[in-house]
C-alpha atoms as a PDB file:
ATOM      1  CA  MET A   1     -78.621  10.552  35.984  1.00  0.00           C
ATOM      2  CA  ILE A   2     -77.423   7.813  38.546  1.00  0.00           C
ATOM      3  CA  GLY A   3     -76.953  10.429  42.116  1.00  0.00           C
ATOM      4  CA  MET A   4     -74.049   9.720  44.284  1.00  0.00           C
ATOM      5  CA  ARG A   5     -75.588   7.345  47.415  1.00  0.00           C
ATOM      6  CA  LYS A   6     -77.733   4.680  44.307  1.00  0.00           C
ATOM      7  CA  LEU A   7     -73.965   5.027  41.894  1.00  0.00           C
ATOM      8  CA  VAL A   8     -71.846   3.295  45.056  1.00  0.00           C
ATOM      9  CA  SER A   9     -74.450   1.371  45.563  1.00  0.00           C
ATOM     10  CA  LEU A  10     -74.743  -0.125  42.574  1.00  0.00           C
ATOM     11  CA  LEU A  11     -71.115  -0.321  42.286  1.00  0.00           C
ATOM     12  CA  VAL A  12     -70.278  -2.483  45.103  1.00  0.00           C
ATOM     13  CA  ARG A  13     -73.269  -4.815  44.324  1.00  0.00           C
ATOM     14  CA  ASP A  14     -72.089  -5.801  41.068  1.00  0.00           C
ATOM     15  CA  PRO A  15     -69.550  -5.376  39.726  1.00  0.00           C
ATOM     16  CA  LEU A  16     -70.138  -5.513  35.843  1.00  0.00           C
ATOM     17  CA  VAL A  17     -71.543  -1.926  36.039  1.00  0.00           C
ATOM     18  CA  VAL A  18     -68.044  -1.341  37.485  1.00  0.00           C
ATOM     19  CA  ILE A  19     -66.567  -1.776  34.617  1.00  0.00           C
ATOM     20  CA  LEU A  20     -69.033  -0.899  32.504  1.00  0.00           C
ATOM     21  CA  THR A  21     -69.108   2.919  33.672  1.00  0.00           C
ATOM     22  CA  ALA A  22     -65.731   2.594  34.171  1.00  0.00           C
ATOM     23  CA  ALA A  23     -65.006   1.674  30.585  1.00  0.00           C
ATOM     24  CA  TYR A  24     -67.354   3.798  28.892  1.00  0.00           C
ATOM     25  CA  GLY A  25     -66.676   6.886  30.827  1.00  0.00           C
ATOM     26  CA  THR A  26     -62.920   6.292  29.746  1.00  0.00           C
ATOM     27  CA  ALA A  27     -63.844   5.402  26.846  1.00  0.00           C
ATOM     28  CA  GLY A  28     -65.923   8.662  26.545  1.00  0.00           C
ATOM     29  CA  ILE A  29     -62.380  11.204  28.125  1.00  0.00           C
ATOM     30  CA  LEU A  30     -60.914   9.904  25.199  1.00  0.00           C
ATOM     31  CA  VAL A  31     -63.165  10.503  22.235  1.00  0.00           C
ATOM     32  CA  SER A  32     -63.950  13.963  24.116  1.00  0.00           C
ATOM     33  CA  LEU A  33     -59.354  15.170  22.612  1.00  0.00           C
ATOM     34  CA  VAL A  34     -60.627  15.167  19.555  1.00  0.00           C
ATOM     35  CA  ASP A  35     -64.290  15.067  19.867  1.00  0.00           C
ATOM     36  CA  ARG A  36     -65.751  19.028  20.038  1.00  0.00           C
ATOM     37  CA  ASP A  37     -69.093  18.601  19.869  1.00  0.00           C
ATOM     38  CA  GLY A  38     -69.714  16.004  21.384  1.00  0.00           C
ATOM     39  CA  ARG A  39     -72.018  13.420  18.977  1.00  0.00           C
ATOM     40  CA  LYS A  40     -68.922  11.327  19.248  1.00  0.00           C
ATOM     41  CA  GLN A  41     -69.506  10.909  23.463  1.00  0.00           C
ATOM     42  CA  THR A  42     -72.722  10.728  22.237  1.00  0.00           C
ATOM     43  CA  LYS A  43     -72.300   7.458  20.752  1.00  0.00           C
ATOM     44  CA  VAL A  44     -70.156   6.180  23.498  1.00  0.00           C
ATOM     45  CA  ALA A  45     -72.877   7.130  26.181  1.00  0.00           C
ATOM     46  CA  ARG A  46     -75.750   5.729  24.421  1.00  0.00           C
ATOM     47  CA  ARG A  47     -73.827   2.564  24.511  1.00  0.00           C
ATOM     48  CA  TRP A  48     -73.200   2.164  28.223  1.00  0.00           C
ATOM     49  CA  ALA A  49     -76.700   2.615  28.690  1.00  0.00           C
ATOM     50  CA  ARG A  50     -77.630   0.143  26.482  1.00  0.00           C
ATOM     51  CA  ASN A  51     -75.233  -2.239  27.770  1.00  0.00           C
ATOM     52  CA  LEU A  52     -76.705  -0.858  31.649  1.00  0.00           C
ATOM     53  CA  LEU A  53     -79.479  -2.493  30.564  1.00  0.00           C
ATOM     54  CA  ARG A  54     -78.441  -5.254  29.746  1.00  0.00           C
ATOM     55  CA  VAL A  55     -76.641  -6.702  32.442  1.00  0.00           C
ATOM     56  CA  ALA A  56     -79.569  -5.188  34.652  1.00  0.00           C
ATOM     57  CA  GLY A  57     -82.139  -7.672  33.172  1.00  0.00           C
ATOM     58  CA  ALA A  58     -84.085  -5.037  30.744  1.00  0.00           C
ATOM     59  CA  ALA A  59     -86.275  -6.093  28.452  1.00  0.00           C
ATOM     60  CA  VAL A  60     -86.957  -2.961  26.233  1.00  0.00           C
ATOM     61  CA  ARG A  61     -89.568  -2.274  23.902  1.00  0.00           C
ATOM     62  CA  VAL A  62     -89.988   0.855  22.258  1.00  0.00           C
ATOM     63  CA  GLU A  63     -92.847   2.143  20.466  1.00  0.00           C
ATOM     64  CA  GLY A  64     -93.135   5.518  18.185  1.00  0.00           C
ATOM     65  CA  ILE A  65     -89.304   5.949  17.707  1.00  0.00           C
ATOM     66  CA  GLU A  66     -90.736   6.810  14.198  1.00  0.00           C
ATOM     67  CA  ARG A  67     -92.145  10.507  14.968  1.00  0.00           C
ATOM     68  CA  ILE A  68     -88.386  10.906  15.852  1.00  0.00           C
ATOM     69  CA  ASP A  69     -86.694  13.289  12.952  1.00  0.00           C
ATOM     70  CA  PRO A  70     -82.526  12.408  13.213  1.00  0.00           C
ATOM     71  CA  GLN A  71     -81.522  14.976  11.854  1.00  0.00           C
ATOM     72  CA  ALA A  72     -84.182  17.532  13.334  1.00  0.00           C
ATOM     73  CA  ASN A  73     -83.922  19.612  17.351  1.00  0.00           C
ATOM     74  CA  TYR A  74     -86.714  18.741  20.460  1.00  0.00           C
ATOM     75  CA  VAL A  75     -87.177  18.913  23.847  1.00  0.00           C
ATOM     76  CA  PHE A  76     -88.078  15.762  25.032  1.00  0.00           C
ATOM     77  CA  ALA A  77     -90.151  15.942  27.906  1.00  0.00           C
ATOM     78  CA  SER A  78     -90.405  12.455  30.122  1.00  0.00           C
ATOM     79  CA  ASN A  79     -91.968  10.824  32.649  1.00  0.00           C
ATOM     80  CA  HIS A  80     -89.653  10.352  35.689  1.00  0.00           C
ATOM     81  CA  ALA A  81     -89.864   7.424  37.800  1.00  0.00           C
ATOM     82  CA  SER A  82     -86.883   5.795  38.525  1.00  0.00           C
ATOM     83  CA  TYR A  83     -83.337   6.171  37.838  1.00  0.00           C
ATOM     84  CA  MET A  84     -82.824   4.035  35.432  1.00  0.00           C
ATOM     85  CA  ASP A  85     -85.092   6.738  33.020  1.00  0.00           C
ATOM     86  CA  THR A  86     -81.657   8.728  31.518  1.00  0.00           C
ATOM     87  CA  PRO A  87     -80.043   5.264  30.182  1.00  0.00           C
ATOM     88  CA  LEU A  88     -82.904   3.419  28.747  1.00  0.00           C
ATOM     89  CA  ILE A  89     -83.996   7.415  27.339  1.00  0.00           C
ATOM     90  CA  VAL A  90     -79.965   7.768  26.583  1.00  0.00           C
ATOM     91  CA  GLY A  91     -79.905   4.577  25.001  1.00  0.00           C
ATOM     92  CA  TYR A  92     -82.416   3.949  22.921  1.00  0.00           C
ATOM     93  CA  VAL A  93     -83.657   7.707  21.678  1.00  0.00           C
ATOM     94  CA  PRO A  94     -82.052   8.101  17.823  1.00  0.00           C
ATOM     95  CA  ALA A  95     -81.392  12.026  18.629  1.00  0.00           C
ATOM     96  CA  GLU A  96     -78.403  13.898  19.452  1.00  0.00           C
ATOM     97  CA  PHE A  97     -79.342  15.245  22.851  1.00  0.00           C
ATOM     98  CA  ARG A  98     -78.193  17.199  26.146  1.00  0.00           C
ATOM     99  CA  PHE A  99     -79.493  16.685  29.310  1.00  0.00           C
ATOM    100  CA  LEU A 100     -80.164  19.316  32.384  1.00  0.00           C
ATOM    101  CA  ALA A 101     -78.857  17.698  35.572  1.00  0.00           C
ATOM    102  CA  LYS A 102     -78.538  18.363  39.180  1.00  0.00           C
ATOM    103  CA  LYS A 103     -75.416  20.282  39.128  1.00  0.00           C
ATOM    104  CA  SER A 104     -74.332  17.706  41.783  1.00  0.00           C
ATOM    105  CA  LEU A 105     -74.103  15.625  38.957  1.00  0.00           C
ATOM    106  CA  PHE A 106     -70.820  17.209  37.460  1.00  0.00           C
ATOM    107  CA  LYS A 107     -68.835  15.977  40.143  1.00  0.00           C
ATOM    108  CA  LEU A 108     -69.484  12.200  39.641  1.00  0.00           C
ATOM    109  CA  PRO A 109     -66.231  10.834  38.477  1.00  0.00           C
ATOM    110  CA  PHE A 110     -66.152   8.703  35.196  1.00  0.00           C
ATOM    111  CA  ILE A 111     -69.883  10.753  33.872  1.00  0.00           C
ATOM    112  CA  GLY A 112     -69.452  14.185  35.795  1.00  0.00           C
ATOM    113  CA  ASN A 113     -66.460  14.267  33.566  1.00  0.00           C
ATOM    114  CA  HIS A 114     -68.315  13.457  30.262  1.00  0.00           C
ATOM    115  CA  LEU A 115     -70.797  15.610  31.684  1.00  0.00           C
ATOM    116  CA  THR A 116     -68.950  18.113  31.447  1.00  0.00           C
ATOM    117  CA  LEU A 117     -67.084  17.472  27.812  1.00  0.00           C
ATOM    118  CA  ALA A 118     -69.802  16.819  26.386  1.00  0.00           C
ATOM    119  CA  GLY A 119     -71.754  19.732  27.146  1.00  0.00           C
ATOM    120  CA  HIS A 120     -74.790  19.301  29.250  1.00  0.00           C
ATOM    121  CA  ILE A 121     -75.924  21.551  31.141  1.00  0.00           C
ATOM    122  CA  PRO A 122     -76.041  22.158  34.845  1.00  0.00           C
ATOM    123  CA  VAL A 123     -78.977  23.024  37.022  1.00  0.00           C
ATOM    124  CA  GLU A 124     -78.636  25.102  40.328  1.00  0.00           C
ATOM    125  CA  ARG A 125     -82.169  23.850  41.432  1.00  0.00           C
ATOM    126  CA  GLU A 126     -81.749  26.062  45.482  1.00  0.00           C
ATOM    127  CA  ASP A 127     -80.894  29.091  43.581  1.00  0.00           C
ATOM    128  CA  PRO A 128     -84.541  30.283  41.382  1.00  0.00           C
ATOM    129  CA  ARG A 129     -82.174  33.025  39.422  1.00  0.00           C
ATOM    130  CA  ALA A 130     -79.665  31.187  37.975  1.00  0.00           C
ATOM    131  CA  ALA A 131     -82.578  28.393  37.204  1.00  0.00           C
ATOM    132  CA  VAL A 132     -84.120  31.428  34.488  1.00  0.00           C
ATOM    133  CA  LYS A 133     -80.127  31.660  33.257  1.00  0.00           C
ATOM    134  CA  THR A 134     -79.923  28.340  32.605  1.00  0.00           C
ATOM    135  CA  MET A 135     -83.109  28.002  30.774  1.00  0.00           C
ATOM    136  CA  SER A 136     -81.980  30.101  28.091  1.00  0.00           C
ATOM    137  CA  LEU A 137     -79.039  29.141  28.164  1.00  0.00           C
ATOM    138  CA  ALA A 138     -80.866  25.268  27.126  1.00  0.00           C
ATOM    139  CA  ALA A 139     -82.419  27.049  24.634  1.00  0.00           C
ATOM    140  CA  GLU A 140     -79.630  28.151  23.016  1.00  0.00           C
ATOM    141  CA  THR A 141     -78.090  25.412  23.339  1.00  0.00           C
ATOM    142  CA  ILE A 142     -79.698  24.067  21.377  1.00  0.00           C
ATOM    143  CA  ARG A 143     -79.880  26.591  18.434  1.00  0.00           C
ATOM    144  CA  GLY A 144     -76.473  27.243  18.705  1.00  0.00           C
ATOM    145  CA  ARG A 145     -75.156  23.416  18.578  1.00  0.00           C
ATOM    146  CA  ASN A 146     -78.331  21.932  17.242  1.00  0.00           C
ATOM    147  CA  VAL A 147     -78.979  19.999  19.805  1.00  0.00           C
ATOM    148  CA  SER A 148     -82.187  19.152  21.395  1.00  0.00           C
ATOM    149  CA  LEU A 149     -82.539  18.756  24.980  1.00  0.00           C
ATOM    150  CA  ILE A 150     -84.040  15.700  28.063  1.00  0.00           C
ATOM    151  CA  VAL A 151     -85.892  17.468  30.412  1.00  0.00           C
ATOM    152  CA  PHE A 152     -87.475  15.897  32.929  1.00  0.00           C
ATOM    153  CA  PRO A 153     -91.178  18.041  34.258  1.00  0.00           C
ATOM    154  CA  GLU A 154     -91.508  16.596  36.993  1.00  0.00           C
ATOM    155  CA  GLY A 155     -88.821  17.564  38.764  1.00  0.00           C
ATOM    156  CA  GLY A 156     -87.659  14.834  40.091  1.00  0.00           C
ATOM    157  CA  ARG A 157     -87.929  11.046  40.680  1.00  0.00           C
ATOM    158  CA  SER A 158     -91.851  10.085  41.336  1.00  0.00           C
ATOM    159  CA  MET A 159     -92.138   8.121  44.073  1.00  0.00           C
ATOM    160  CA  ASP A 160     -94.790   5.307  43.958  1.00  0.00           C
ATOM    161  CA  GLY A 161     -94.329   6.144  39.202  1.00  0.00           C
ATOM    162  CA  SER A 162     -96.988   7.788  39.340  1.00  0.00           C
ATOM    163  CA  LEU A 163     -97.293  11.151  36.891  1.00  0.00           C
ATOM    164  CA  LYS A 164     -96.348  13.961  38.861  1.00  0.00           C
ATOM    165  CA  THR A 165     -97.517  17.729  37.854  1.00  0.00           C
ATOM    166  CA  PHE A 166     -95.251  19.143  35.566  1.00  0.00           C
ATOM    167  CA  LYS A 167     -92.809  22.359  35.415  1.00  0.00           C
ATOM    168  CA  GLU A 168     -92.985  24.590  33.150  1.00  0.00           C
ATOM    169  CA  GLY A 169     -89.129  24.445  32.203  1.00  0.00           C
ATOM    170  CA  ALA A 170     -89.569  22.493  29.362  1.00  0.00           C
ATOM    171  CA  ALA A 171     -92.234  24.350  27.409  1.00  0.00           C
ATOM    172  CA  LEU A 172     -90.297  27.673  28.049  1.00  0.00           C
ATOM    173  CA  ILE A 173     -87.086  25.780  26.826  1.00  0.00           C
ATOM    174  CA  ALA A 174     -88.927  24.933  24.175  1.00  0.00           C
ATOM    175  CA  ILE A 175     -90.654  28.388  22.937  1.00  0.00           C
ATOM    176  CA  LYS A 176     -87.724  29.779  23.229  1.00  0.00           C
ATOM    177  CA  ALA A 177     -85.949  28.338  21.091  1.00  0.00           C
ATOM    178  CA  GLY A 178     -88.615  27.544  18.126  1.00  0.00           C
ATOM    179  CA  VAL A 179     -88.552  23.543  18.411  1.00  0.00           C
ATOM    180  CA  PRO A 180     -91.136  20.564  18.742  1.00  0.00           C
ATOM    181  CA  VAL A 181     -91.935  19.647  22.493  1.00  0.00           C
ATOM    182  CA  VAL A 182     -91.857  15.243  21.740  1.00  0.00           C
ATOM    183  CA  PRO A 183     -93.516  13.747  24.451  1.00  0.00           C
ATOM    184  CA  LEU A 184     -91.983  10.648  26.400  1.00  0.00           C
ATOM    185  CA  ALA A 185     -93.171   8.405  28.665  1.00  0.00           C
ATOM    186  CA  LEU A 186     -90.803   5.078  30.204  1.00  0.00           C
ATOM    187  CA  GLN A 187     -92.882   2.501  31.364  1.00  0.00           C
ATOM    188  CA  GLY A 188     -91.555  -0.492  33.744  1.00  0.00           C
ATOM    189  CA  THR A 189     -88.706   1.602  35.329  1.00  0.00           C
ATOM    190  CA  HIS A 190     -90.090   2.286  38.629  1.00  0.00           C
ATOM    191  CA  HIS A 191     -90.117  -2.023  38.734  1.00  0.00           C
ATOM    192  CA  LEU A 192     -86.676  -2.520  37.679  1.00  0.00           C
ATOM    193  CA  LEU A 193     -84.581   0.590  39.888  1.00  0.00           C
ATOM    194  CA  PRO A 194     -88.041   2.139  42.539  1.00  0.00           C
ATOM    195  CA  MET A 195     -86.951   5.061  44.272  1.00  0.00           C
ATOM    196  CA  HIS A 196     -84.742   4.448  47.779  1.00  0.00           C
ATOM    197  CA  GLY A 197     -84.626   0.488  45.608  1.00  0.00           C
ATOM    198  CA  ARG A 198     -81.729  -1.094  46.477  1.00  0.00           C
ATOM    199  CA  ILE A 199     -82.377  -4.391  44.084  1.00  0.00           C
ATOM    200  CA  VAL A 200     -81.989  -4.228  40.077  1.00  0.00           C
ATOM    201  CA  ASN A 201     -85.656  -6.123  40.002  1.00  0.00           C
ATOM    202  CA  PRO A 202     -84.787  -7.361  36.464  1.00  0.00           C
ATOM    203  CA  GLY A 203     -88.250  -7.430  33.706  1.00  0.00           C
ATOM    204  CA  PRO A 204     -89.777  -5.539  30.883  1.00  0.00           C
ATOM    205  CA  VAL A 205     -89.509  -1.523  30.167  1.00  0.00           C
ATOM    206  CA  LYS A 206     -90.804   0.033  27.651  1.00  0.00           C
ATOM    207  CA  LEU A 207     -90.158   3.334  25.771  1.00  0.00           C
ATOM    208  CA  MET A 208     -93.431   5.229  24.734  1.00  0.00           C
ATOM    209  CA  VAL A 209     -92.956   8.092  21.515  1.00  0.00           C
ATOM    210  CA  GLY A 210     -95.783  10.914  21.283  1.00  0.00           C
ATOM    211  CA  GLU A 211     -96.484  13.288  18.083  1.00  0.00           C
ATOM    212  CA  PRO A 212     -94.787  16.177  18.285  1.00  0.00           C
ATOM    213  CA  ILE A 213     -96.061  19.489  20.112  1.00  0.00           C
ATOM    214  CA  PRO A 214     -94.716  21.985  16.998  1.00  0.00           C
ATOM    215  CA  THR A 215     -94.649  25.363  19.418  1.00  0.00           C
ATOM    216  CA  VAL A 216     -94.829  27.953  16.075  1.00  0.00           C
ATOM    217  CA  GLY A 217     -96.132  31.055  17.107  1.00  0.00           C
ATOM    218  CA  LEU A 218     -96.437  30.345  20.078  1.00  0.00           C
ATOM    219  CA  THR A 219     -95.732  33.305  22.805  1.00  0.00           C
ATOM    220  CA  LEU A 220     -93.835  32.401  26.350  1.00  0.00           C
ATOM    221  CA  LYS A 221     -97.971  33.527  28.035  1.00  0.00           C
ATOM    222  CA  ASP A 222     -98.423  30.182  25.981  1.00  0.00           C
ATOM    223  CA  ARG A 223     -96.109  27.654  28.269  1.00  0.00           C
ATOM    224  CA  ASP A 224     -98.972  26.638  31.221  1.00  0.00           C
ATOM    225  CA  LYS A 225    -101.080  25.921  27.881  1.00  0.00           C
ATOM    226  CA  LEU A 226     -97.808  23.519  26.686  1.00  0.00           C
ATOM    227  CA  THR A 227     -97.107  21.785  29.611  1.00  0.00           C
ATOM    228  CA  ASP A 228    -100.884  20.950  30.322  1.00  0.00           C
ATOM    229  CA  ARG A 229    -101.095  19.020  26.661  1.00  0.00           C
ATOM    230  CA  THR A 230     -97.422  17.934  27.562  1.00  0.00           C
ATOM    231  CA  ARG A 231     -98.725  15.627  30.901  1.00  0.00           C
ATOM    232  CA  GLN A 232    -101.744  15.019  29.304  1.00  0.00           C
ATOM    233  CA  ALA A 233    -100.214  13.120  26.528  1.00  0.00           C
ATOM    234  CA  ILE A 234     -97.116  11.372  28.192  1.00  0.00           C
ATOM    235  CA  ALA A 235    -100.926  10.691  30.640  1.00  0.00           C
ATOM    236  CA  ALA A 236    -103.033   9.856  27.517  1.00  0.00           C
ATOM    237  CA  MET A 237     -99.412   7.035  26.556  1.00  0.00           C
ATOM    238  CA  LEU A 238     -99.162   5.950  30.192  1.00  0.00           C
ATOM    239  CA  GLY A 239    -103.096   5.164  31.118  1.00  0.00           C
ATOM    240  CA  GLU A 240    -103.321   7.097  33.301  1.00  0.00           C
ATOM    241  CA  ILE A 241    -106.532   9.140  31.922  1.00  0.00           C
END
């Protein structure tokens, strides 16, 4: 999600972003009054995301989307090169999903309210014990709420846009929940809004969906192999191997 400083910078620079975020944020809050499972809020978020990308001048291309069954549950694992990764996934992945999001994001106006009401999962990165509990909560959320989860296994944005080492959280959650991991490869978002960038640069962006990786029969001892397989799939789609 967009961090506080970056969000303020974008809002000051582009009044249309203010209007879009405020309007869809308000709509999400209103919808939440009659939407207890968060599904209508997901639709609102998807419209916000697509319009935000449109305002940013992103020419979106999607490949492999037919590999996703909208009725199935997954852990989506994606590379992370920009704050614009989240709108791209939210806008164009046809699944009912939730995010693991930094706890601080839940304090943002509009966005924070949506995260809380829609049932997204806060992560306390500074507390390892809390992080372990979060993984278990995430797996329970997938099973109990019949949703998918989106994770950025690199743990943060890539400074130069290249693929970094993966943490094992996505694999661990998928194995615990008994659902496939779907590799997502995003191209062009780093150019659109690089880390520490102050200007949004219009241009093409691509969302590539890899083959789902099954977890049937896997145990937690297999999480490293699953993490490596997921990273290799994403690296191959990005042309980094």
